[in-house]
Amino acid sequence: FEFTESASGELELQPIAKAIDYCKDKRIRY
């Protein structure tokens, strides 16, 4: 994942939330 947008605000609005959601849907360990 490559993010360039701002990372301020609530967790649901964090760019990293996209990566975390991907981990939930796939067999990702780390």
mmCIF file of all heavy atoms, coordinates in Angstrom:
data_MODEL
# 
_entry.id   MODEL 
# 
loop_
_atom_site.group_PDB 
_atom_site.id 
_atom_site.type_symbol 
_atom_site.label_atom_id 
_atom_site.label_alt_id 
_atom_site.label_comp_id 
_atom_site.label_asym_id 
_atom_site.label_entity_id 
_atom_site.label_seq_id 
_atom_site.pdbx_PDB_ins_code 
_atom_site.Cartn_x 
_atom_site.Cartn_y 
_atom_site.Cartn_z 
_atom_site.occupancy 
_atom_site.B_iso_or_equiv 
_atom_site.pdbx_formal_charge 
_atom_site.auth_seq_id 
_atom_site.auth_comp_id 
_atom_site.auth_asym_id 
_atom_site.auth_atom_id 
_atom_site.pdbx_PDB_model_num 
ATOM 1   N N   . PHE A 1 1  ? 0.860   -1.174  0.000  1.00 0.00 ? 1  PHE A N   1 
ATOM 2   C CA  . PHE A 1 1  ? 0.000   0.000   0.000  1.00 0.00 ? 1  PHE A CA  1 
ATOM 3   C C   . PHE A 1 1  ? 0.899   1.227   0.000  1.00 0.00 ? 1  PHE A C   1 
ATOM 4   O O   . PHE A 1 1  ? 1.937   1.242   0.677  1.00 0.00 ? 1  PHE A O   1 
ATOM 5   C CB  . PHE A 1 1  ? -0.894  0.031   1.247  1.00 0.00 ? 1  PHE A CB  1 
ATOM 6   C CG  . PHE A 1 1  ? -2.010  -0.967  1.219  1.00 0.00 ? 1  PHE A CG  1 
ATOM 7   C CD1 . PHE A 1 1  ? -1.795  -2.275  1.616  1.00 0.00 ? 1  PHE A CD1 1 
ATOM 8   C CD2 . PHE A 1 1  ? -3.270  -0.598  0.787  1.00 0.00 ? 1  PHE A CD2 1 
ATOM 9   C CE1 . PHE A 1 1  ? -2.809  -3.206  1.594  1.00 0.00 ? 1  PHE A CE1 1 
ATOM 10  C CE2 . PHE A 1 1  ? -4.310  -1.516  0.756  1.00 0.00 ? 1  PHE A CE2 1 
ATOM 11  C CZ  . PHE A 1 1  ? -4.070  -2.827  1.162  1.00 0.00 ? 1  PHE A CZ  1 
ATOM 12  N N   . GLU A 1 2  ? 0.504   2.241   -0.724 1.00 0.00 ? 2  GLU A N   1 
ATOM 13  C CA  . GLU A 1 2  ? 1.259   3.492   -0.776 1.00 0.00 ? 2  GLU A CA  1 
ATOM 14  C C   . GLU A 1 2  ? 0.280   4.635   -0.552 1.00 0.00 ? 2  GLU A C   1 
ATOM 15  O O   . GLU A 1 2  ? -0.671  4.804   -1.315 1.00 0.00 ? 2  GLU A O   1 
ATOM 16  C CB  . GLU A 1 2  ? 1.916   3.625   -2.147 1.00 0.00 ? 2  GLU A CB  1 
ATOM 17  C CG  . GLU A 1 2  ? 2.849   4.797   -2.258 1.00 0.00 ? 2  GLU A CG  1 
ATOM 18  C CD  . GLU A 1 2  ? 3.586   4.783   -3.593 1.00 0.00 ? 2  GLU A CD  1 
ATOM 19  O OE1 . GLU A 1 2  ? 4.196   3.750   -3.933 1.00 0.00 ? 2  GLU A OE1 1 
ATOM 20  O OE2 . GLU A 1 2  ? 3.538   5.823   -4.283 1.00 0.00 ? 2  GLU A OE2 1 
ATOM 21  N N   . PHE A 1 3  ? 0.508   5.382   0.522  1.00 0.00 ? 3  PHE A N   1 
ATOM 22  C CA  . PHE A 1 3  ? -0.386  6.475   0.881  1.00 0.00 ? 3  PHE A CA  1 
ATOM 23  C C   . PHE A 1 3  ? 0.357   7.805   0.835  1.00 0.00 ? 3  PHE A C   1 
ATOM 24  O O   . PHE A 1 3  ? 1.502   7.891   1.274  1.00 0.00 ? 3  PHE A O   1 
ATOM 25  C CB  . PHE A 1 3  ? -0.959  6.277   2.284  1.00 0.00 ? 3  PHE A CB  1 
ATOM 26  C CG  . PHE A 1 3  ? -1.754  5.008   2.438  1.00 0.00 ? 3  PHE A CG  1 
ATOM 27  C CD1 . PHE A 1 3  ? -1.394  4.066   3.376  1.00 0.00 ? 3  PHE A CD1 1 
ATOM 28  C CD2 . PHE A 1 3  ? -2.855  4.769   1.640  1.00 0.00 ? 3  PHE A CD2 1 
ATOM 29  C CE1 . PHE A 1 3  ? -2.118  2.897   3.521  1.00 0.00 ? 3  PHE A CE1 1 
ATOM 30  C CE2 . PHE A 1 3  ? -3.589  3.605   1.774  1.00 0.00 ? 3  PHE A CE2 1 
ATOM 31  C CZ  . PHE A 1 3  ? -3.223  2.660   2.721  1.00 0.00 ? 3  PHE A CZ  1 
ATOM 32  N N   . THR A 1 4  ? -0.314  8.815   0.329  1.00 0.00 ? 4  THR A N   1 
ATOM 33  C CA  . THR A 1 4  ? 0.254   10.162  0.303  1.00 0.00 ? 4  THR A CA  1 
ATOM 34  C C   . THR A 1 4  ? -0.682  11.165  0.970  1.00 0.00 ? 4  THR A C   1 
ATOM 35  O O   . THR A 1 4  ? -0.293  12.300  1.179  1.00 0.00 ? 4  THR A O   1 
ATOM 36  C CB  . THR A 1 4  ? 0.539   10.619  -1.146 1.00 0.00 ? 4  THR A CB  1 
ATOM 37  O OG1 . THR A 1 4  ? -0.659  10.531  -1.909 1.00 0.00 ? 4  THR A OG1 1 
ATOM 38  C CG2 . THR A 1 4  ? 1.628   9.781   -1.775 1.00 0.00 ? 4  THR A CG2 1 
ATOM 39  N N   . GLU A 1 5  ? -1.884  10.738  1.310  1.00 0.00 ? 5  GLU A N   1 
ATOM 40  C CA  . GLU A 1 5  ? -2.830  11.668  1.908  1.00 0.00 ? 5  GLU A CA  1 
ATOM 41  C C   . GLU A 1 5  ? -2.553  11.876  3.390  1.00 0.00 ? 5  GLU A C   1 
ATOM 42  O O   . GLU A 1 5  ? -1.820  11.109  4.006  1.00 0.00 ? 5  GLU A O   1 
ATOM 43  C CB  . GLU A 1 5  ? -4.284  11.217  1.680  1.00 0.00 ? 5  GLU A CB  1 
ATOM 44  C CG  . GLU A 1 5  ? -4.626  9.884   2.291  1.00 0.00 ? 5  GLU A CG  1 
ATOM 45  C CD  . GLU A 1 5  ? -4.520  8.728   1.308  1.00 0.00 ? 5  GLU A CD  1 
ATOM 46  O OE1 . GLU A 1 5  ? -3.675  8.746   0.419  1.00 0.00 ? 5  GLU A OE1 1 
ATOM 47  O OE2 . GLU A 1 5  ? -5.286  7.769   1.464  1.00 0.00 ? 5  GLU A OE2 1 
ATOM 48  N N   . SER A 1 6  ? -3.182  12.883  3.942  1.00 0.00 ? 6  SER A N   1 
ATOM 49  C CA  . SER A 1 6  ? -3.004  13.231  5.344  1.00 0.00 ? 6  SER A CA  1 
ATOM 50  C C   . SER A 1 6  ? -3.478  12.095  6.247  1.00 0.00 ? 6  SER A C   1 
ATOM 51  O O   . SER A 1 6  ? -4.396  11.362  5.904  1.00 0.00 ? 6  SER A O   1 
ATOM 52  C CB  . SER A 1 6  ? -3.796  14.498  5.662  1.00 0.00 ? 6  SER A CB  1 
ATOM 53  O OG  . SER A 1 6  ? -3.760  14.759  7.041  1.00 0.00 ? 6  SER A OG  1 
ATOM 54  N N   . ALA A 1 7  ? -2.859  11.993  7.407  1.00 0.00 ? 7  ALA A N   1 
ATOM 55  C CA  . ALA A 1 7  ? -3.220  10.937  8.354  1.00 0.00 ? 7  ALA A CA  1 
ATOM 56  C C   . ALA A 1 7  ? -3.760  11.502  9.657  1.00 0.00 ? 7  ALA A C   1 
ATOM 57  O O   . ALA A 1 7  ? -3.550  10.959  10.708 1.00 0.00 ? 7  ALA A O   1 
ATOM 58  C CB  . ALA A 1 7  ? -2.008  10.058  8.632  1.00 0.00 ? 7  ALA A CB  1 
ATOM 59  N N   . SER A 1 8  ? -4.460  12.605  9.609  1.00 0.00 ? 8  SER A N   1 
ATOM 60  C CA  . SER A 1 8  ? -5.035  13.151  10.827 1.00 0.00 ? 8  SER A CA  1 
ATOM 61  C C   . SER A 1 8  ? -6.512  12.784  10.882 1.00 0.00 ? 8  SER A C   1 
ATOM 62  O O   . SER A 1 8  ? -7.121  12.469  9.875  1.00 0.00 ? 8  SER A O   1 
ATOM 63  C CB  . SER A 1 8  ? -4.867  14.673  10.859 1.00 0.00 ? 8  SER A CB  1 
ATOM 64  O OG  . SER A 1 8  ? -5.486  15.241  9.736  1.00 0.00 ? 8  SER A OG  1 
ATOM 65  N N   . GLY A 1 9  ? -7.082  12.786  12.089 1.00 0.00 ? 9  GLY A N   1 
ATOM 66  C CA  . GLY A 1 9  ? -8.498  12.493  12.210 1.00 0.00 ? 9  GLY A CA  1 
ATOM 67  C C   . GLY A 1 9  ? -8.785  11.175  12.881 1.00 0.00 ? 9  GLY A C   1 
ATOM 68  O O   . GLY A 1 9  ? -7.924  10.568  13.497 1.00 0.00 ? 9  GLY A O   1 
ATOM 69  N N   . GLU A 1 10 ? -10.017 10.734  12.750 1.00 0.00 ? 10 GLU A N   1 
ATOM 70  C CA  . GLU A 1 10 ? -10.489 9.507   13.380 1.00 0.00 ? 10 GLU A CA  1 
ATOM 71  C C   . GLU A 1 10 ? -9.914  8.269   12.697 1.00 0.00 ? 10 GLU A C   1 
ATOM 72  O O   . GLU A 1 10 ? -9.550  8.311   11.526 1.00 0.00 ? 10 GLU A O   1 
ATOM 73  C CB  . GLU A 1 10 ? -12.021 9.464   13.318 1.00 0.00 ? 10 GLU A CB  1 
ATOM 74  C CG  . GLU A 1 10 ? -12.701 10.594  14.051 1.00 0.00 ? 10 GLU A CG  1 
ATOM 75  C CD  . GLU A 1 10 ? -12.391 10.605  15.535 1.00 0.00 ? 10 GLU A CD  1 
ATOM 76  O OE1 . GLU A 1 10 ? -12.352 9.517   16.152 1.00 0.00 ? 10 GLU A OE1 1 
ATOM 77  O OE2 . GLU A 1 10 ? -12.174 11.691  16.077 1.00 0.00 ? 10 GLU A OE2 1 
ATOM 78  N N   . LEU A 1 11 ? -9.887  7.156   13.421 1.00 0.00 ? 11 LEU A N   1 
ATOM 79  C CA  . LEU A 1 11 ? -9.326  5.916   12.902 1.00 0.00 ? 11 LEU A CA  1 
ATOM 80  C C   . LEU A 1 11 ? -9.972  5.508   11.584 1.00 0.00 ? 11 LEU A C   1 
ATOM 81  O O   . LEU A 1 11 ? -9.294  5.121   10.641 1.00 0.00 ? 11 LEU A O   1 
ATOM 82  C CB  . LEU A 1 11 ? -9.465  4.789   13.925 1.00 0.00 ? 11 LEU A CB  1 
ATOM 83  C CG  . LEU A 1 11 ? -8.952  3.415   13.476 1.00 0.00 ? 11 LEU A CG  1 
ATOM 84  C CD1 . LEU A 1 11 ? -7.470  3.477   13.118 1.00 0.00 ? 11 LEU A CD1 1 
ATOM 85  C CD2 . LEU A 1 11 ? -9.208  2.370   14.535 1.00 0.00 ? 11 LEU A CD2 1 
ATOM 86  N N   . GLU A 1 12 ? -11.292 5.593   11.493 1.00 0.00 ? 12 GLU A N   1 
ATOM 87  C CA  . GLU A 1 12 ? -11.983 5.172   10.274 1.00 0.00 ? 12 GLU A CA  1 
ATOM 88  C C   . GLU A 1 12 ? -11.564 6.002   9.065  1.00 0.00 ? 12 GLU A C   1 
ATOM 89  O O   . GLU A 1 12 ? -11.716 5.568   7.930  1.00 0.00 ? 12 GLU A O   1 
ATOM 90  C CB  . GLU A 1 12 ? -13.504 5.285   10.434 1.00 0.00 ? 12 GLU A CB  1 
ATOM 91  C CG  . GLU A 1 12 ? -14.090 4.558   11.617 1.00 0.00 ? 12 GLU A CG  1 
ATOM 92  C CD  . GLU A 1 12 ? -13.936 5.344   12.922 1.00 0.00 ? 12 GLU A CD  1 
ATOM 93  O OE1 . GLU A 1 12 ? -14.210 6.555   12.965 1.00 0.00 ? 12 GLU A OE1 1 
ATOM 94  O OE2 . GLU A 1 12 ? -13.527 4.714   13.904 1.00 0.00 ? 12 GLU A OE2 1 
ATOM 95  N N   . LEU A 1 13 ? -11.062 7.207   9.303  1.00 0.00 ? 13 LEU A N   1 
ATOM 96  C CA  . LEU A 1 13 ? -10.663 8.100   8.222  1.00 0.00 ? 13 LEU A CA  1 
ATOM 97  C C   . LEU A 1 13 ? -9.173  8.021   7.925  1.00 0.00 ? 13 LEU A C   1 
ATOM 98  O O   . LEU A 1 13 ? -8.696  8.656   6.979  1.00 0.00 ? 13 LEU A O   1 
ATOM 99  C CB  . LEU A 1 13 ? -11.045 9.549   8.561  1.00 0.00 ? 13 LEU A CB  1 
ATOM 100 C CG  . LEU A 1 13 ? -12.530 9.787   8.851  1.00 0.00 ? 13 LEU A CG  1 
ATOM 101 C CD1 . LEU A 1 13 ? -12.759 11.222  9.293  1.00 0.00 ? 13 LEU A CD1 1 
ATOM 102 C CD2 . LEU A 1 13 ? -13.383 9.437   7.650  1.00 0.00 ? 13 LEU A CD2 1 
ATOM 103 N N   . GLN A 1 14 ? -8.431  7.267   8.708  1.00 0.00 ? 14 GLN A N   1 
ATOM 104 C CA  . GLN A 1 14 ? -6.994  7.139   8.506  1.00 0.00 ? 14 GLN A CA  1 
ATOM 105 C C   . GLN A 1 14 ? -6.723  6.358   7.225  1.00 0.00 ? 14 GLN A C   1 
ATOM 106 O O   . GLN A 1 14 ? -7.384  5.346   6.960  1.00 0.00 ? 14 GLN A O   1 
ATOM 107 C CB  . GLN A 1 14 ? -6.352  6.387   9.678  1.00 0.00 ? 14 GLN A CB  1 
ATOM 108 C CG  . GLN A 1 14 ? -6.438  7.081   11.006 1.00 0.00 ? 14 GLN A CG  1 
ATOM 109 C CD  . GLN A 1 14 ? -5.557  8.301   11.059 1.00 0.00 ? 14 GLN A CD  1 
ATOM 110 O OE1 . GLN A 1 14 ? -4.401  8.266   10.671 1.00 0.00 ? 14 GLN A OE1 1 
ATOM 111 N NE2 . GLN A 1 14 ? -6.103  9.391   11.539 1.00 0.00 ? 14 GLN A NE2 1 
ATOM 112 N N   . PRO A 1 15 ? -5.755  6.785   6.428  1.00 0.00 ? 15 PRO A N   1 
ATOM 113 C CA  . PRO A 1 15 ? -5.409  6.015   5.232  1.00 0.00 ? 15 PRO A CA  1 
ATOM 114 C C   . PRO A 1 15 ? -5.061  4.562   5.567  1.00 0.00 ? 15 PRO A C   1 
ATOM 115 O O   . PRO A 1 15 ? -5.404  3.648   4.814  1.00 0.00 ? 15 PRO A O   1 
ATOM 116 C CB  . PRO A 1 15 ? -4.183  6.754   4.686  1.00 0.00 ? 15 PRO A CB  1 
ATOM 117 C CG  . PRO A 1 15 ? -4.301  8.139   5.207  1.00 0.00 ? 15 PRO A CG  1 
ATOM 118 C CD  . PRO A 1 15 ? -4.969  8.005   6.545  1.00 0.00 ? 15 PRO A CD  1 
ATOM 119 N N   . ILE A 1 16 ? -4.431  4.332   6.710  1.00 0.00 ? 16 ILE A N   1 
ATOM 120 C CA  . ILE A 1 16 ? -4.015  2.983   7.101  1.00 0.00 ? 16 ILE A CA  1 
ATOM 121 C C   . ILE A 1 16 ? -5.207  2.054   7.281  1.00 0.00 ? 16 ILE A C   1 
ATOM 122 O O   . ILE A 1 16 ? -5.061  0.831   7.207  1.00 0.00 ? 16 ILE A O   1 
ATOM 123 C CB  . ILE A 1 16 ? -3.140  3.033   8.384  1.00 0.00 ? 16 ILE A CB  1 
ATOM 124 C CG1 . ILE A 1 16 ? -2.413  1.710   8.612  1.00 0.00 ? 16 ILE A CG1 1 
ATOM 125 C CG2 . ILE A 1 16 ? -3.977  3.382   9.592  1.00 0.00 ? 16 ILE A CG2 1 
ATOM 126 C CD1 . ILE A 1 16 ? -1.366  1.395   7.605  1.00 0.00 ? 16 ILE A CD1 1 
ATOM 127 N N   . ALA A 1 17 ? -6.405  2.603   7.480  1.00 0.00 ? 17 ALA A N   1 
ATOM 128 C CA  . ALA A 1 17 ? -7.599  1.775   7.654  1.00 0.00 ? 17 ALA A CA  1 
ATOM 129 C C   . ALA A 1 17 ? -7.829  0.881   6.441  1.00 0.00 ? 17 ALA A C   1 
ATOM 130 O O   . ALA A 1 17 ? -8.307  -0.253  6.578  1.00 0.00 ? 17 ALA A O   1 
ATOM 131 C CB  . ALA A 1 17 ? -8.821  2.645   7.933  1.00 0.00 ? 17 ALA A CB  1 
ATOM 132 N N   . LYS A 1 18 ? -7.467  1.349   5.254  1.00 0.00 ? 18 LYS A N   1 
ATOM 133 C CA  . LYS A 1 18 ? -7.610  0.527   4.044  1.00 0.00 ? 18 LYS A CA  1 
ATOM 134 C C   . LYS A 1 18 ? -6.741  -0.724  4.138  1.00 0.00 ? 18 LYS A C   1 
ATOM 135 O O   . LYS A 1 18 ? -7.168  -1.816  3.774  1.00 0.00 ? 18 LYS A O   1 
ATOM 136 C CB  . LYS A 1 18 ? -7.216  1.336   2.802  1.00 0.00 ? 18 LYS A CB  1 
ATOM 137 C CG  . LYS A 1 18 ? -8.102  2.508   2.523  1.00 0.00 ? 18 LYS A CG  1 
ATOM 138 C CD  . LYS A 1 18 ? -7.527  3.348   1.397  1.00 0.00 ? 18 LYS A CD  1 
ATOM 139 C CE  . LYS A 1 18 ? -8.232  4.690   1.319  1.00 0.00 ? 18 LYS A CE  1 
ATOM 140 N NZ  . LYS A 1 18 ? -7.555  5.603   0.408  1.00 0.00 ? 18 LYS A NZ  1 
ATOM 141 N N   . ALA A 1 19 ? -5.525  -0.563  4.611  1.00 0.00 ? 19 ALA A N   1 
ATOM 142 C CA  . ALA A 1 19 ? -4.617  -1.697  4.755  1.00 0.00 ? 19 ALA A CA  1 
ATOM 143 C C   . ALA A 1 19 ? -5.117  -2.649  5.836  1.00 0.00 ? 19 ALA A C   1 
ATOM 144 O O   . ALA A 1 19 ? -5.062  -3.873  5.670  1.00 0.00 ? 19 ALA A O   1 
ATOM 145 C CB  . ALA A 1 19 ? -3.204  -1.208  5.069  1.00 0.00 ? 19 ALA A CB  1 
ATOM 146 N N   . ILE A 1 20 ? -5.609  -2.112  6.932  1.00 0.00 ? 20 ILE A N   1 
ATOM 147 C CA  . ILE A 1 20 ? -6.131  -2.948  8.018  1.00 0.00 ? 20 ILE A CA  1 
ATOM 148 C C   . ILE A 1 20 ? -7.338  -3.735  7.529  1.00 0.00 ? 20 ILE A C   1 
ATOM 149 O O   . ILE A 1 20 ? -7.467  -4.933  7.799  1.00 0.00 ? 20 ILE A O   1 
ATOM 150 C CB  . ILE A 1 20 ? -6.460  -2.094  9.252  1.00 0.00 ? 20 ILE A CB  1 
ATOM 151 C CG1 . ILE A 1 20 ? -5.166  -1.543  9.851  1.00 0.00 ? 20 ILE A CG1 1 
ATOM 152 C CG2 . ILE A 1 20 ? -7.242  -2.900  10.286 1.00 0.00 ? 20 ILE A CG2 1 
ATOM 153 C CD1 . ILE A 1 20 ? -5.374  -0.501  10.912 1.00 0.00 ? 20 ILE A CD1 1 
ATOM 154 N N   . ASP A 1 21 ? -8.216  -3.090  6.777  1.00 0.00 ? 21 ASP A N   1 
ATOM 155 C CA  . ASP A 1 21 ? -9.374  -3.786  6.225  1.00 0.00 ? 21 ASP A CA  1 
ATOM 156 C C   . ASP A 1 21 ? -8.946  -4.922  5.303  1.00 0.00 ? 21 ASP A C   1 
ATOM 157 O O   . ASP A 1 21 ? -9.547  -5.993  5.297  1.00 0.00 ? 21 ASP A O   1 
ATOM 158 C CB  . ASP A 1 21 ? -10.293 -2.822  5.479  1.00 0.00 ? 21 ASP A CB  1 
ATOM 159 C CG  . ASP A 1 21 ? -11.071 -1.913  6.412  1.00 0.00 ? 21 ASP A CG  1 
ATOM 160 O OD1 . ASP A 1 21 ? -11.166 -2.227  7.622  1.00 0.00 ? 21 ASP A OD1 1 
ATOM 161 O OD2 . ASP A 1 21 ? -11.579 -0.887  5.939  1.00 0.00 ? 21 ASP A OD2 1 
ATOM 162 N N   . TYR A 1 22 ? -7.900  -4.696  4.525  1.00 0.00 ? 22 TYR A N   1 
ATOM 163 C CA  . TYR A 1 22 ? -7.380  -5.751  3.649  1.00 0.00 ? 22 TYR A CA  1 
ATOM 164 C C   . TYR A 1 22 ? -6.926  -6.953  4.481  1.00 0.00 ? 22 TYR A C   1 
ATOM 165 O O   . TYR A 1 22 ? -7.183  -8.095  4.122  1.00 0.00 ? 22 TYR A O   1 
ATOM 166 C CB  . TYR A 1 22 ? -6.224  -5.212  2.803  1.00 0.00 ? 22 TYR A CB  1 
ATOM 167 C CG  . TYR A 1 22 ? -5.701  -6.203  1.796  1.00 0.00 ? 22 TYR A CG  1 
ATOM 168 C CD1 . TYR A 1 22 ? -6.254  -6.286  0.523  1.00 0.00 ? 22 TYR A CD1 1 
ATOM 169 C CD2 . TYR A 1 22 ? -4.649  -7.063  2.113  1.00 0.00 ? 22 TYR A CD2 1 
ATOM 170 C CE1 . TYR A 1 22 ? -5.773  -7.199  -0.403 1.00 0.00 ? 22 TYR A CE1 1 
ATOM 171 C CE2 . TYR A 1 22 ? -4.158  -7.980  1.192  1.00 0.00 ? 22 TYR A CE2 1 
ATOM 172 C CZ  . TYR A 1 22 ? -4.723  -8.040  -0.062 1.00 0.00 ? 22 TYR A CZ  1 
ATOM 173 O OH  . TYR A 1 22 ? -4.260  -8.950  -0.975 1.00 0.00 ? 22 TYR A OH  1 
ATOM 174 N N   . CYS A 1 23 ? -6.284  -6.693  5.599  1.00 0.00 ? 23 CYS A N   1 
ATOM 175 C CA  . CYS A 1 23 ? -5.825  -7.780  6.479  1.00 0.00 ? 23 CYS A CA  1 
ATOM 176 C C   . CYS A 1 23 ? -7.002  -8.582  7.020  1.00 0.00 ? 23 CYS A C   1 
ATOM 177 O O   . CYS A 1 23 ? -6.911  -9.800  7.183  1.00 0.00 ? 23 CYS A O   1 
ATOM 178 C CB  . CYS A 1 23 ? -5.037  -7.224  7.652  1.00 0.00 ? 23 CYS A CB  1 
ATOM 179 S SG  . CYS A 1 23 ? -3.438  -6.537  7.208  1.00 0.00 ? 23 CYS A SG  1 
ATOM 180 N N   . LYS A 1 24 ? -8.101  -7.936  7.292  1.00 0.00 ? 24 LYS A N   1 
ATOM 181 C CA  . LYS A 1 24 ? -9.275  -8.625  7.835  1.00 0.00 ? 24 LYS A CA  1 
ATOM 182 C C   . LYS A 1 24 ? -9.892  -9.562  6.804  1.00 0.00 ? 24 LYS A C   1 
ATOM 183 O O   . LYS A 1 24 ? -10.434 -10.598 7.157  1.00 0.00 ? 24 LYS A O   1 
ATOM 184 C CB  . LYS A 1 24 ? -10.322 -7.604  8.279  1.00 0.00 ? 24 LYS A CB  1 
ATOM 185 C CG  . LYS A 1 24 ? -9.922  -6.805  9.500  1.00 0.00 ? 24 LYS A CG  1 
ATOM 186 C CD  . LYS A 1 24 ? -10.983 -5.777  9.810  1.00 0.00 ? 24 LYS A CD  1 
ATOM 187 C CE  . LYS A 1 24 ? -10.601 -4.885  10.961 1.00 0.00 ? 24 LYS A CE  1 
ATOM 188 N NZ  . LYS A 1 24 ? -11.581 -3.823  11.186 1.00 0.00 ? 24 LYS A NZ  1 
ATOM 189 N N   . ASP A 1 25 ? -9.828  -9.182  5.543  1.00 0.00 ? 25 ASP A N   1 
ATOM 190 C CA  . ASP A 1 25 ? -10.477 -9.952  4.492  1.00 0.00 ? 25 ASP A CA  1 
ATOM 191 C C   . ASP A 1 25 ? -9.587  -11.031 3.881  1.00 0.00 ? 25 ASP A C   1 
ATOM 192 O O   . ASP A 1 25 ? -10.054 -11.877 3.145  1.00 0.00 ? 25 ASP A O   1 
ATOM 193 C CB  . ASP A 1 25 ? -10.933 -9.024  3.361  1.00 0.00 ? 25 ASP A CB  1 
ATOM 194 C CG  . ASP A 1 25 ? -12.028 -8.072  3.811  1.00 0.00 ? 25 ASP A CG  1 
ATOM 195 O OD1 . ASP A 1 25 ? -12.720 -8.383  4.796  1.00 0.00 ? 25 ASP A OD1 1 
ATOM 196 O OD2 . ASP A 1 25 ? -12.186 -7.014  3.177  1.00 0.00 ? 25 ASP A OD2 1 
ATOM 197 N N   . LYS A 1 26 ? -8.312  -11.007 4.137  1.00 0.00 ? 26 LYS A N   1 
ATOM 198 C CA  . LYS A 1 26 ? -7.362  -11.928 3.514  1.00 0.00 ? 26 LYS A CA  1 
ATOM 199 C C   . LYS A 1 26 ? -6.643  -12.739 4.585  1.00 0.00 ? 26 LYS A C   1 
ATOM 200 O O   . LYS A 1 26 ? -6.778  -12.482 5.766  1.00 0.00 ? 26 LYS A O   1 
ATOM 201 C CB  . LYS A 1 26 ? -6.316  -11.139 2.689  1.00 0.00 ? 26 LYS A CB  1 
ATOM 202 C CG  . LYS A 1 26 ? -6.906  -10.148 1.712  1.00 0.00 ? 26 LYS A CG  1 
ATOM 203 C CD  . LYS A 1 26 ? -7.620  -10.845 0.596  1.00 0.00 ? 26 LYS A CD  1 
ATOM 204 C CE  . LYS A 1 26 ? -8.195  -9.809  -0.357 1.00 0.00 ? 26 LYS A CE  1 
ATOM 205 N NZ  . LYS A 1 26 ? -9.219  -10.303 -1.199 1.00 0.00 ? 26 LYS A NZ  1 
ATOM 206 N N   . ARG A 1 27 ? -5.837  -13.663 4.165  1.00 0.00 ? 27 ARG A N   1 
ATOM 207 C CA  . ARG A 1 27 ? -5.047  -14.476 5.104  1.00 0.00 ? 27 ARG A CA  1 
ATOM 208 C C   . ARG A 1 27 ? -3.692  -13.811 5.331  1.00 0.00 ? 27 ARG A C   1 
ATOM 209 O O   . ARG A 1 27 ? -2.653  -14.330 4.938  1.00 0.00 ? 27 ARG A O   1 
ATOM 210 C CB  . ARG A 1 27 ? -4.886  -15.869 4.552  1.00 0.00 ? 27 ARG A CB  1 
ATOM 211 C CG  . ARG A 1 27 ? -6.209  -16.564 4.369  1.00 0.00 ? 27 ARG A CG  1 
ATOM 212 C CD  . ARG A 1 27 ? -6.020  -17.920 3.860  1.00 0.00 ? 27 ARG A CD  1 
ATOM 213 N NE  . ARG A 1 27 ? -6.231  -18.804 4.998  1.00 0.00 ? 27 ARG A NE  1 
ATOM 214 C CZ  . ARG A 1 27 ? -6.286  -20.105 4.912  1.00 0.00 ? 27 ARG A CZ  1 
ATOM 215 N NH1 . ARG A 1 27 ? -6.113  -20.687 3.776  1.00 0.00 ? 27 ARG A NH1 1 
ATOM 216 N NH2 . ARG A 1 27 ? -6.506  -20.831 5.986  1.00 0.00 ? 27 ARG A NH2 1 
ATOM 217 N N   . ILE A 1 28 ? -3.737  -12.662 5.972  1.00 0.00 ? 28 ILE A N   1 
ATOM 218 C CA  . ILE A 1 28 ? -2.539  -11.858 6.206  1.00 0.00 ? 28 ILE A CA  1 
ATOM 219 C C   . ILE A 1 28 ? -2.159  -11.961 7.675  1.00 0.00 ? 28 ILE A C   1 
ATOM 220 O O   . ILE A 1 28 ? -2.972  -11.716 8.556  1.00 0.00 ? 28 ILE A O   1 
ATOM 221 C CB  . ILE A 1 28 ? -2.780  -10.380 5.819  1.00 0.00 ? 28 ILE A CB  1 
ATOM 222 C CG1 . ILE A 1 28 ? -3.236  -10.264 4.371  1.00 0.00 ? 28 ILE A CG1 1 
ATOM 223 C CG2 . ILE A 1 28 ? -1.550  -9.536  6.106  1.00 0.00 ? 28 ILE A CG2 1 
ATOM 224 C CD1 . ILE A 1 28 ? -2.250  -10.776 3.348  1.00 0.00 ? 28 ILE A CD1 1 
ATOM 225 N N   . ARG A 1 29 ? -0.912  -12.304 7.918  1.00 0.00 ? 29 ARG A N   1 
ATOM 226 C CA  . ARG A 1 29 ? -0.442  -12.488 9.293  1.00 0.00 ? 29 ARG A CA  1 
ATOM 227 C C   . ARG A 1 29 ? 0.221   -11.227 9.851  1.00 0.00 ? 29 ARG A C   1 
ATOM 228 O O   . ARG A 1 29 ? 0.150   -10.946 11.031 1.00 0.00 ? 29 ARG A O   1 
ATOM 229 C CB  . ARG A 1 29 ? 0.538   -13.653 9.306  1.00 0.00 ? 29 ARG A CB  1 
ATOM 230 C CG  . ARG A 1 29 ? 1.197   -13.913 10.591 1.00 0.00 ? 29 ARG A CG  1 
ATOM 231 C CD  . ARG A 1 29 ? 0.437   -14.891 11.403 1.00 0.00 ? 29 ARG A CD  1 
ATOM 232 N NE  . ARG A 1 29 ? 1.249   -15.169 12.591 1.00 0.00 ? 29 ARG A NE  1 
ATOM 233 C CZ  . ARG A 1 29 ? 0.751   -15.649 13.674 1.00 0.00 ? 29 ARG A CZ  1 
ATOM 234 N NH1 . ARG A 1 29 ? -0.500  -15.955 13.750 1.00 0.00 ? 29 ARG A NH1 1 
ATOM 235 N NH2 . ARG A 1 29 ? 1.528   -15.854 14.717 1.00 0.00 ? 29 ARG A NH2 1 
ATOM 236 N N   . TYR A 1 30 ? 0.928   -10.463 8.979  1.00 0.00 ? 30 TYR A N   1 
ATOM 237 C CA  . TYR A 1 30 ? 1.694   -9.297  9.424  1.00 0.00 ? 30 TYR A CA  1 
ATOM 238 C C   . TYR A 1 30 ? 1.440   -8.093  8.528  1.00 0.00 ? 30 TYR A C   1 
ATOM 239 O O   . TYR A 1 30 ? 1.174   -8.236  7.342  1.00 0.00 ? 30 TYR A O   1 
ATOM 240 C CB  . TYR A 1 30 ? 3.207   -9.589  9.400  1.00 0.00 ? 30 TYR A CB  1 
ATOM 241 C CG  . TYR A 1 30 ? 3.616   -10.744 10.274 1.00 0.00 ? 30 TYR A CG  1 
ATOM 242 C CD1 . TYR A 1 30 ? 3.965   -11.971 9.719  1.00 0.00 ? 30 TYR A CD1 1 
ATOM 243 C CD2 . TYR A 1 30 ? 3.662   -10.603 11.658 1.00 0.00 ? 30 TYR A CD2 1 
ATOM 244 C CE1 . TYR A 1 30 ? 4.342   -13.042 10.520 1.00 0.00 ? 30 TYR A CE1 1 
ATOM 245 C CE2 . TYR A 1 30 ? 4.031   -11.667 12.462 1.00 0.00 ? 30 TYR A CE2 1 
ATOM 246 C CZ  . TYR A 1 30 ? 4.373   -12.880 11.892 1.00 0.00 ? 30 TYR A CZ  1 
ATOM 247 O OH  . TYR A 1 30 ? 4.738   -13.928 12.688 1.00 0.00 ? 30 TYR A OH  1 
# 
